[in-house]
Protein backbone atom coordinates (compact mmCIF):
# COMPACT_ATOMS: atom_id res chain seq x y z
CA UNK A 1 0.08 -0.09 0.00
CA UNK A 2 1.65 3.77 -1.32
CA UNK A 3 1.88 6.47 1.75
CA UNK A 4 -1.02 7.97 0.34
CA UNK A 5 -3.33 5.41 0.67
CA UNK A 6 -1.77 4.25 4.67
CA UNK A 7 -2.76 7.86 5.01
CA UNK A 8 -5.99 7.28 3.64
CA UNK A 9 -6.92 4.41 6.14
CA UNK A 10 -5.06 6.52 8.94
CA UNK A 11 -6.92 9.17 8.29
CA UNK A 12 -10.69 7.40 8.32
CA UNK A 13 -9.63 5.71 11.18
CA UNK A 14 -8.96 9.11 13.41
CA UNK A 15 -12.18 10.62 12.16
CA UNK A 16 -14.57 7.84 12.48
CA UNK A 17 -12.90 7.46 16.44
CA UNK A 18 -13.04 11.49 17.22
CA UNK A 19 -16.70 11.27 15.52
CA UNK A 20 -17.29 8.32 18.15
CA UNK A 21 -16.81 11.43 20.57
CA UNK A 22 -20.74 12.44 20.27
CA UNK A 23 -22.11 8.94 20.14
CA UNK A 24 -20.77 8.45 23.50
CA UNK A 25 -20.87 12.25 25.26
CA UNK A 26 -24.49 12.32 24.38
CA UNK A 27 -27.62 12.87 26.16
CA UNK A 28 -31.10 11.69 23.74
CA UNK A 29 -33.16 13.30 25.68
CA UNK A 30 -31.94 16.52 24.99
CA UNK A 31 -29.20 16.49 22.27
CA UNK A 32 -26.99 18.90 24.66
CA UNK A 33 -23.54 16.99 24.24
CA UNK A 34 -20.75 16.99 27.51
CA UNK A 35 -17.77 19.31 26.90
CA UNK A 36 -15.41 16.24 27.91
CA UNK A 37 -16.16 12.83 28.61
CA UNK A 38 -14.76 12.91 32.41
CA UNK A 39 -17.24 12.47 34.78
CA UNK A 40 -20.24 15.12 35.56
CA UNK A 41 -19.00 17.38 32.82
CA UNK A 42 -21.33 19.84 32.26
CA UNK A 43 -23.09 20.77 28.34
CA UNK A 44 -20.52 22.97 25.76
CA UNK A 45 -22.70 24.92 23.94
CA UNK A 46 -19.90 25.13 21.43
CA UNK A 47 -19.59 21.29 21.35
CA UNK A 48 -23.61 20.79 20.31
CA UNK A 49 -22.15 23.27 17.43
CA UNK A 50 -19.58 20.91 16.10
CA UNK A 51 -21.63 17.47 16.98
CA UNK A 52 -24.39 19.16 14.57
CA UNK A 53 -21.51 19.96 12.00
CA UNK A 54 -20.24 16.35 12.54
CA UNK A 55 -23.80 14.67 11.65
CA UNK A 56 -23.99 15.34 7.93
CA UNK A 57 -20.27 13.84 7.57
CA UNK A 58 -21.03 10.78 9.76
CA UNK A 59 -23.89 10.06 7.10
CA UNK A 60 -21.86 10.59 4.09
CA UNK A 61 -19.50 8.48 5.69
CA UNK A 62 -22.10 6.01 6.82
CA UNK A 63 -21.06 5.47 10.30
CA UNK A 64 -25.01 6.50 11.33
CA UNK A 65 -28.25 6.24 9.32
CA UNK A 66 -29.84 9.11 8.37
CA UNK A 67 -33.23 9.10 10.29
CA UNK A 68 -30.34 8.81 13.34
CA UNK A 69 -28.71 11.77 12.48
CA UNK A 70 -31.93 13.63 12.14
CA UNK A 71 -33.23 12.68 15.85
CA UNK A 72 -30.31 13.62 17.29
CA UNK A 73 -30.15 17.09 15.39
CA UNK A 74 -33.94 17.49 16.17
CA UNK A 75 -33.22 16.80 19.91
CA UNK A 76 -30.88 19.95 20.48
CA UNK A 77 -32.81 22.13 17.93
CA UNK A 78 -36.18 21.51 19.57
CA UNK A 79 -34.02 21.78 22.90
CA UNK A 80 -32.55 24.81 22.36
CA UNK A 81 -35.85 26.16 20.98
CA UNK A 82 -37.93 25.29 24.33
CA UNK A 83 -35.28 26.48 26.59
CA UNK A 84 -36.26 28.66 29.14
CA UNK A 85 -34.41 32.42 27.51
CA UNK A 86 -35.28 34.58 30.88
CA UNK A 87 -31.85 35.46 31.28
CA UNK A 88 -32.54 34.75 34.67
CA UNK A 89 -29.43 33.12 36.93
CA UNK A 90 -30.61 29.26 36.54
CA UNK A 91 -32.02 29.86 32.75
CA UNK A 92 -30.73 28.39 29.75
CA UNK A 93 -30.23 31.73 27.11
CA UNK A 94 -31.61 35.21 26.80
CA UNK A 95 -32.00 37.06 23.57
CA UNK A 96 -31.39 33.96 21.71
CA UNK A 97 -28.11 33.28 23.00
CA UNK A 98 -27.23 30.59 25.37
CA UNK A 99 -24.96 29.93 28.19
CA UNK A 100 -21.08 28.44 27.81
CA UNK A 101 -21.90 25.73 29.85
CA UNK A 102 -24.93 24.02 30.71
CA UNK A 103 -26.62 21.22 33.15
CA UNK A 104 -26.39 18.11 30.88
CA UNK A 105 -29.89 16.90 32.73
CA UNK A 106 -32.02 19.76 32.44
CA UNK A 107 -29.71 22.80 30.28
CA UNK A 108 -29.96 25.57 33.10
CA UNK A 109 -26.50 27.55 33.08
CA UNK A 110 -23.87 25.97 35.64
CA UNK A 111 -20.26 27.71 37.32
CA UNK A 112 -22.55 30.85 36.47
CA UNK A 113 -20.97 30.73 33.19
CA UNK A 114 -21.37 34.02 31.08
CA UNK A 115 -24.03 34.14 28.19
CA UNK A 116 -21.01 33.42 25.47
CA UNK A 117 -21.28 35.07 22.13
CA UNK A 118 -18.58 33.10 20.84
CA UNK A 119 -19.93 29.91 22.07
CA UNK A 120 -23.14 30.55 21.02
CA UNK A 121 -22.13 31.47 17.15
CA UNK A 122 -20.21 27.83 16.80
CA UNK A 123 -24.12 26.43 18.12
CA UNK A 124 -25.64 28.45 15.34
CA UNK A 125 -22.85 27.08 13.15
CA UNK A 126 -23.78 23.48 13.16
CA UNK A 127 -27.61 24.77 13.49
CA UNK A 128 -26.84 26.46 9.89
CA UNK A 129 -24.82 23.56 8.78
CA UNK A 130 -27.39 20.39 9.49
CA UNK A 131 -29.87 22.67 7.92
CA UNK A 132 -28.67 22.85 4.95
CA UNK A 133 -27.29 19.48 4.59
CA UNK A 134 -30.60 17.97 5.94
CA UNK A 135 -32.72 19.32 2.61
CA UNK A 136 -35.20 16.16 2.16
CA UNK A 137 -39.00 16.74 1.28
CA UNK A 138 -40.03 14.82 4.55
CA UNK A 139 -41.66 16.14 7.87
CA UNK A 140 -38.57 15.71 10.27
CA UNK A 141 -36.14 17.26 8.15
CA UNK A 142 -38.64 20.75 6.88
CA UNK A 143 -38.91 20.71 10.83
CA UNK A 144 -34.97 20.76 11.66
CA UNK A 145 -34.44 23.38 9.01
CA UNK A 146 -37.68 25.43 10.46
CA UNK A 147 -36.22 25.01 13.73
CA UNK A 148 -32.46 26.37 12.64
CA UNK A 149 -33.91 29.16 10.77
CA UNK A 150 -35.89 30.24 14.11
CA UNK A 151 -32.46 29.65 16.32
CA UNK A 152 -30.49 31.79 14.55
CA UNK A 153 -32.80 34.21 13.50
CA UNK A 154 -33.87 34.81 17.17
CA UNK A 155 -29.97 35.49 17.97
CA UNK A 156 -29.62 39.63 19.08
CA UNK A 157 -26.33 40.10 17.31
CA UNK A 158 -27.04 43.96 18.23
CA UNK A 159 -27.77 43.52 21.42
CA UNK A 160 -24.60 41.64 22.26
CA UNK A 161 -22.32 45.14 20.90
CA UNK A 162 -24.27 46.89 23.85
CA UNK A 163 -23.67 50.48 21.89
CA UNK A 164 -19.38 48.95 21.73
CA UNK A 165 -17.39 49.28 18.74
CA UNK A 166 -16.65 45.34 18.83
CA UNK A 167 -19.15 42.44 20.17
CA UNK A 168 -18.97 42.11 23.56
CA UNK A 169 -17.71 38.39 24.99
CA UNK A 170 -20.46 37.44 27.24
CA UNK A 171 -22.86 38.60 29.51
CA UNK A 172 -23.78 37.61 32.68
CA UNK A 173 -27.05 38.32 34.68
CA UNK A 174 -25.25 39.11 37.82
CA UNK A 175 -23.32 42.15 36.49
CA UNK A 176 -24.52 42.61 32.82
CA UNK A 177 -21.96 42.52 29.74
CA UNK A 178 -18.37 41.83 30.23
CA UNK A 179 -15.89 44.71 30.52
CA UNK A 180 -13.54 42.94 26.67
CA UNK A 181 -14.95 42.51 24.01
CA UNK A 182 -13.90 40.19 20.59
CA UNK A 183 -10.60 42.48 20.28
CA UNK A 184 -7.42 41.47 18.12
CA UNK A 185 -7.58 38.42 15.50
CA UNK A 186 -9.10 35.35 17.56
CA UNK A 187 -11.37 32.73 16.81
CA UNK A 188 -14.48 35.27 16.05
CA UNK A 189 -14.63 35.83 12.13
CA UNK A 190 -17.52 33.04 12.18
CA UNK A 191 -19.28 35.19 14.64
CA UNK A 192 -18.75 38.55 13.53
CA UNK A 193 -20.01 36.67 9.89
CA UNK A 194 -23.00 35.35 11.55
CA UNK A 195 -23.62 38.29 13.20
CA UNK A 196 -23.78 40.74 9.63
CA UNK A 197 -25.29 38.46 8.18
CA UNK A 198 -28.75 38.60 10.38
CA UNK A 199 -32.19 39.39 8.57
CA UNK A 200 -32.80 40.33 12.08
CA UNK A 201 -31.30 41.86 14.33
CA UNK A 202 -27.57 42.13 12.55
CA UNK A 203 -24.70 44.57 13.73
CA UNK A 204 -23.98 47.36 12.00
CA UNK A 205 -21.17 47.41 9.32
CA UNK A 206 -18.75 49.40 11.57
CA UNK A 207 -18.73 46.44 14.24
CA UNK A 208 -16.80 44.54 11.69
CA UNK A 209 -13.68 47.05 10.58
CA UNK A 210 -13.82 48.30 14.08
CA UNK A 211 -12.20 44.57 15.10
CA UNK A 212 -9.88 44.31 11.91
CA UNK A 213 -8.65 47.70 13.06
CA UNK A 214 -7.36 45.86 16.23
CA UNK A 215 -5.40 43.22 14.04
CA UNK A 216 -1.70 42.84 14.76
CA UNK A 217 0.10 42.30 11.36
CA UNK A 218 3.70 40.77 12.25
CA UNK A 219 7.22 39.52 10.43
CA UNK A 220 7.92 36.63 12.75
CA UNK A 221 10.74 34.50 11.59
CA UNK A 222 10.69 36.18 8.04
CA UNK A 223 6.83 35.51 7.30
CA UNK A 224 4.07 38.32 6.82
CA UNK A 225 0.69 37.71 8.74
CA UNK A 226 -1.74 38.50 10.47
CA UNK A 227 -0.43 37.72 14.25
CA UNK A 228 -2.06 35.32 17.25
CA UNK A 229 -0.21 33.00 19.28
CA UNK A 230 -2.21 29.91 19.75
CA UNK A 231 -3.23 27.58 16.89
CA UNK A 232 -6.90 27.21 17.43
CA UNK A 233 -7.26 30.77 16.88
CA UNK A 234 -6.43 29.88 12.85
CA UNK A 235 -9.04 27.17 12.63
CA UNK A 236 -11.86 27.16 14.09
CA UNK A 237 -13.64 29.40 11.80
CA UNK A 238 -11.86 27.84 8.79
CA UNK A 239 -14.32 24.44 10.41
CA UNK A 240 -17.12 26.54 8.78
CA UNK A 241 -15.82 28.55 6.02
CA UNK A 242 -13.57 28.51 3.19
CA UNK A 243 -11.58 30.89 3.18
CA UNK A 244 -9.63 30.52 -0.40
CA UNK A 245 -9.57 33.23 -2.36
CA UNK A 246 -12.18 35.46 -0.58
CA UNK A 247 -10.91 39.02 0.89
CA UNK A 248 -12.14 41.38 3.20
CA UNK A 249 -10.81 45.16 3.00
CA UNK A 250 -8.14 43.62 5.55
CA UNK A 251 -6.77 41.15 3.56
CA UNK A 252 -6.96 42.86 0.38
CA UNK A 253 -4.62 45.31 1.21
CA UNK A 254 -2.30 43.56 2.44
CA UNK A 255 -1.98 40.92 -0.64
CA UNK A 256 -3.24 37.75 1.33
CA UNK A 257 -6.43 35.90 2.53
CA UNK A 258 -7.20 34.42 5.85
CA UNK A 259 -6.46 30.64 4.80
CA UNK A 260 -2.81 31.83 3.59
CA UNK A 261 -2.54 33.49 6.91
CA UNK A 262 -3.18 30.01 8.53
CA UNK A 263 -0.71 28.62 6.74
CA UNK A 264 2.06 30.76 7.43
CA UNK A 265 0.58 30.49 11.12
CA UNK A 266 1.88 26.34 11.23
CA UNK A 267 4.74 27.93 9.40
CA UNK A 268 5.77 30.00 12.62
CA UNK A 269 4.55 27.00 14.89
CA UNK A 270 7.25 24.83 13.21
CA UNK A 271 10.14 27.21 13.12
CA UNK A 272 9.69 28.00 16.82
CA UNK A 273 9.63 24.62 17.97
CA UNK A 274 11.97 23.54 15.98
CA UNK A 275 14.24 26.71 17.03
CA UNK A 276 12.80 25.43 21.20
CA UNK A 277 13.48 28.63 22.86
CA UNK A 278 12.83 26.76 26.11
CA UNK A 279 14.82 23.74 25.26
CA UNK A 280 11.96 21.46 25.85
CA UNK A 281 11.82 18.16 25.33
CA UNK A 282 9.96 16.82 22.70
CA UNK A 283 9.44 20.54 19.92
CA UNK A 284 11.33 20.09 16.52
CA UNK A 285 9.75 20.57 13.21
CA UNK A 286 7.54 17.57 13.32
CA UNK A 287 6.55 17.65 16.67
CA UNK A 288 4.55 21.26 17.09
CA UNK A 289 1.03 22.22 18.11
CA UNK A 290 0.45 24.89 20.45
CA UNK A 291 -3.57 26.03 21.05
CA UNK A 292 -5.73 25.98 23.85
CA UNK A 293 -5.97 22.84 25.70
CA UNK A 294 -5.50 21.04 29.01
CA UNK A 295 -1.99 20.72 30.70
CA UNK A 296 -0.36 19.39 33.66
CA UNK A 297 -0.82 22.20 35.82
CA UNK A 298 -3.40 20.68 38.26
CA UNK A 299 -2.27 17.76 38.86
CA UNK A 300 2.04 19.36 39.11
CA UNK A 301 0.91 22.28 40.51
CA UNK A 302 3.94 24.93 41.22
CA UNK A 303 6.98 24.02 40.65
CA UNK A 304 6.48 20.99 41.00
CA UNK A 305 10.07 18.54 39.96
CA UNK A 306 11.81 22.02 39.32
CA UNK A 307 9.70 21.99 35.85
CA UNK A 308 8.95 25.79 36.40
CA UNK A 309 5.56 26.93 35.68
CA UNK A 310 2.89 24.68 34.30
CA UNK A 311 -0.45 25.12 33.12
CA UNK A 312 -3.47 23.82 33.73
CA UNK A 313 -6.45 24.60 30.62
CA UNK A 314 -4.97 27.20 28.50
CA UNK A 315 -4.46 28.98 25.33
CA UNK A 316 -0.70 28.34 24.65
CA UNK A 317 0.67 30.31 21.40
CA UNK A 318 3.68 30.99 19.92
CA UNK A 319 6.57 33.20 20.34
CA UNK A 320 5.58 34.80 23.58
CA UNK A 321 3.69 31.97 25.59
CA UNK A 322 2.30 31.36 27.33
CA UNK A 323 4.31 27.84 26.36
CA UNK A 324 5.19 25.00 29.21
CA UNK A 325 6.15 21.98 26.88
CA UNK A 326 2.70 20.97 26.06
CA UNK A 327 1.86 20.16 22.59
CA UNK A 328 -1.46 19.29 20.74
CA UNK A 329 -1.61 16.20 18.81
CA UNK A 330 -5.15 17.24 16.72
CA UNK A 331 -3.59 20.30 16.50
CA UNK A 332 -2.06 19.23 13.22
CA UNK A 333 -4.89 17.40 11.90
CA UNK A 334 -6.81 20.47 12.40
CA UNK A 335 -3.83 21.64 10.00
CA UNK A 336 -4.64 19.33 7.25
CA UNK A 337 -6.40 21.52 4.74
CA UNK A 338 -3.73 24.40 5.15
CA UNK A 339 -0.62 22.50 4.96
CA UNK A 340 -1.28 18.21 4.37
CA UNK A 341 1.51 17.00 3.47
CA UNK A 342 3.12 18.61 6.68
CA UNK A 343 0.18 17.65 8.83
CA UNK A 344 0.33 14.34 8.00
CA UNK A 345 4.45 14.16 8.80
CA UNK A 346 3.34 15.99 12.09
CA UNK A 347 0.76 13.29 12.92
CA UNK A 348 2.97 10.27 12.19
CA UNK A 349 6.08 11.46 14.19
CA UNK A 350 3.87 12.50 16.89
CA UNK A 351 2.23 9.21 16.85
CA UNK A 352 5.19 6.76 16.87
CA UNK A 353 6.78 8.97 19.65
CA UNK A 354 4.38 9.40 21.81
CA UNK A 355 1.81 6.59 21.02
CA UNK A 356 -0.07 7.01 24.90
CA UNK A 357 -1.81 10.95 23.82
CA UNK A 358 -4.14 8.22 21.61
CA UNK A 359 -6.42 6.75 23.47
CA UNK A 360 -9.44 4.58 21.70
CA UNK A 361 -7.77 6.19 18.39
CA UNK A 362 -9.01 9.80 19.61
CA UNK A 363 -6.66 12.80 20.63
CA UNK A 364 -5.74 13.46 24.21
CA UNK A 365 -6.35 17.15 24.49
CA UNK A 366 -2.55 17.99 25.39
CA UNK A 367 0.34 15.91 26.33
CA UNK A 368 3.87 17.62 27.60
CA UNK A 369 6.77 14.78 27.22
CA UNK A 370 9.19 16.68 29.97
CA UNK A 371 6.49 16.29 32.63
CA UNK A 372 6.40 12.11 31.66
CA UNK A 373 7.50 8.85 33.40
CA UNK A 374 10.81 6.97 34.20
CA UNK A 375 9.93 5.19 30.84
CA UNK A 376 9.75 8.07 28.54
CA UNK A 377 6.34 8.53 28.67
CA UNK A 378 5.17 11.62 28.47
CA UNK A 379 2.30 13.14 30.48
CA UNK A 380 -1.07 12.81 28.55
CA UNK A 381 -4.35 14.87 29.33
CA UNK A 382 -6.83 11.92 30.80
CA UNK A 383 -10.06 11.86 28.87
CA UNK A 384 -11.11 13.75 25.67
CA UNK A 385 -12.86 16.86 25.02
CA UNK A 386 -15.67 18.31 22.59
CA UNK A 387 -13.89 20.66 20.71
CA UNK A 388 -10.72 18.67 19.90
CA UNK A 389 -12.87 16.02 18.09
CA UNK A 390 -14.91 17.65 16.57
CA UNK A 391 -12.42 20.16 14.97
CA UNK A 392 -10.52 16.83 14.05
CA UNK A 393 -13.66 15.44 12.55
CA UNK A 394 -14.48 18.82 10.61
CA UNK A 395 -11.35 19.97 8.68
CA UNK A 396 -10.10 16.09 8.03
CA UNK A 397 -13.33 16.19 5.89
CA UNK A 398 -12.48 19.38 4.67
CA UNK A 399 -9.15 18.38 3.55
CA UNK A 400 -10.54 15.01 2.21
CA UNK A 401 -14.07 16.43 0.65
CA UNK A 402 -14.55 19.37 1.60
CA UNK A 403 -18.51 18.85 2.34
CA UNK A 404 -18.71 21.63 5.40
CA UNK A 405 -17.04 24.08 3.23
CA UNK A 406 -19.61 23.39 0.45
CA UNK A 407 -22.49 23.24 3.05
CA UNK A 408 -21.30 26.62 4.04
CA UNK A 409 -21.07 27.91 1.02
CA UNK A 410 -24.70 27.21 -0.09
CA UNK A 411 -26.30 29.25 3.38
CA UNK A 412 -28.01 32.45 2.25
CA UNK A 413 -26.79 33.91 5.77
CA UNK A 414 -23.16 33.21 5.70
CA UNK A 415 -22.66 34.70 2.39
CA UNK A 416 -24.81 37.71 3.32
CA UNK A 417 -22.86 37.45 5.91
CA UNK A 418 -19.58 37.84 3.93
CA UNK A 419 -20.55 40.53 1.11
CA UNK A 420 -21.97 43.02 4.29
CA UNK A 421 -18.14 42.58 6.21
CA UNK A 422 -16.76 43.48 3.11
CA UNK A 423 -15.41 40.30 1.53
CA UNK A 424 -15.37 39.61 -2.58
CA UNK A 425 -13.46 37.95 -4.78
CA UNK A 426 -13.00 33.82 -5.14
CA UNK A 427 -16.30 31.57 -5.04
CA UNK A 428 -18.61 35.00 -3.26
CA UNK A 429 -17.65 36.33 -6.89
């Protein structure tokens, strides 16, 4: 079997295993999906969004039947449609947005979490993905499409800007809007596109321009690119939107696009790992992936074993940190659409050197070779995280067939949002 065929087999195994997370962490009574596989984990609304986006892929791949996928999607959409939108401290949401973390059984807010604009956007992106895929002329799929449409139209994105130049990151019933907005390049493109495309409560076009005005364009290791340290920033919105060849005003001025920018971000990651300024174990051009992930900080607090400061769950990034030697194998798979050969080289290398980071063929959130045992096995995060598994499913599919991209290219709301944000060229023309 040649290397391309071998890679295809491996990707199929890893993608199907990652989808398995949504079969295991799903509550059939309300369609909620757990944030992690750890005991008593609450639901993450963003993970539900990834699940809703993964079901069409699973149907196409033959992993579940179409009617089962429809039942799962309907369970989720019906719950959010009928959920408590009073905005109270124990509600599910307010103004069409939802609290970040919910009780898996009741759907009520937990952990005093914020009404999260970005996580609500990821949930809605999943609903719209399902709406575009399940297009059959039967009652269940018609209901699915209607519910997804109602959920999107109900979101008051204009309210979420609170009269400020950029969309606020969140709101709490105890104190109102959080004091910080979506400023600087981050995973918020999908948020701004959906907020711009709304037919009911859109943001003003000035909000997108105000956001891009906070961007930080840098030259790092000889690469000119729009800076964001953690790799997930360069991946999440790309799970749904095909940015190849389309440009907003900012990217037109830089003669670049967001897809190319993600390719440059990968180059910066590899160069940083090769230079390895902190001399951490394992780092090299085929062992990289500094992103938002779980780390050994809570298990090895403080300066345990003279290792310096260790972080728990944190957004690690290059070249300015934080960096404690923790990497994520799934981040390489999330880079497949941008740099398939480079990404696969990293996947093969990390799996060969650190096989324990893969359990049940699902990638752990993070692994840290410098915190390993006497036999050379790295510290590995326990359990699995839904965000990681969802990104793996979607980005492998975008690499293999482009299905998520095709579905969202056909979504009138996404196209409208891109146009209103000033995008043009490529498939938008």
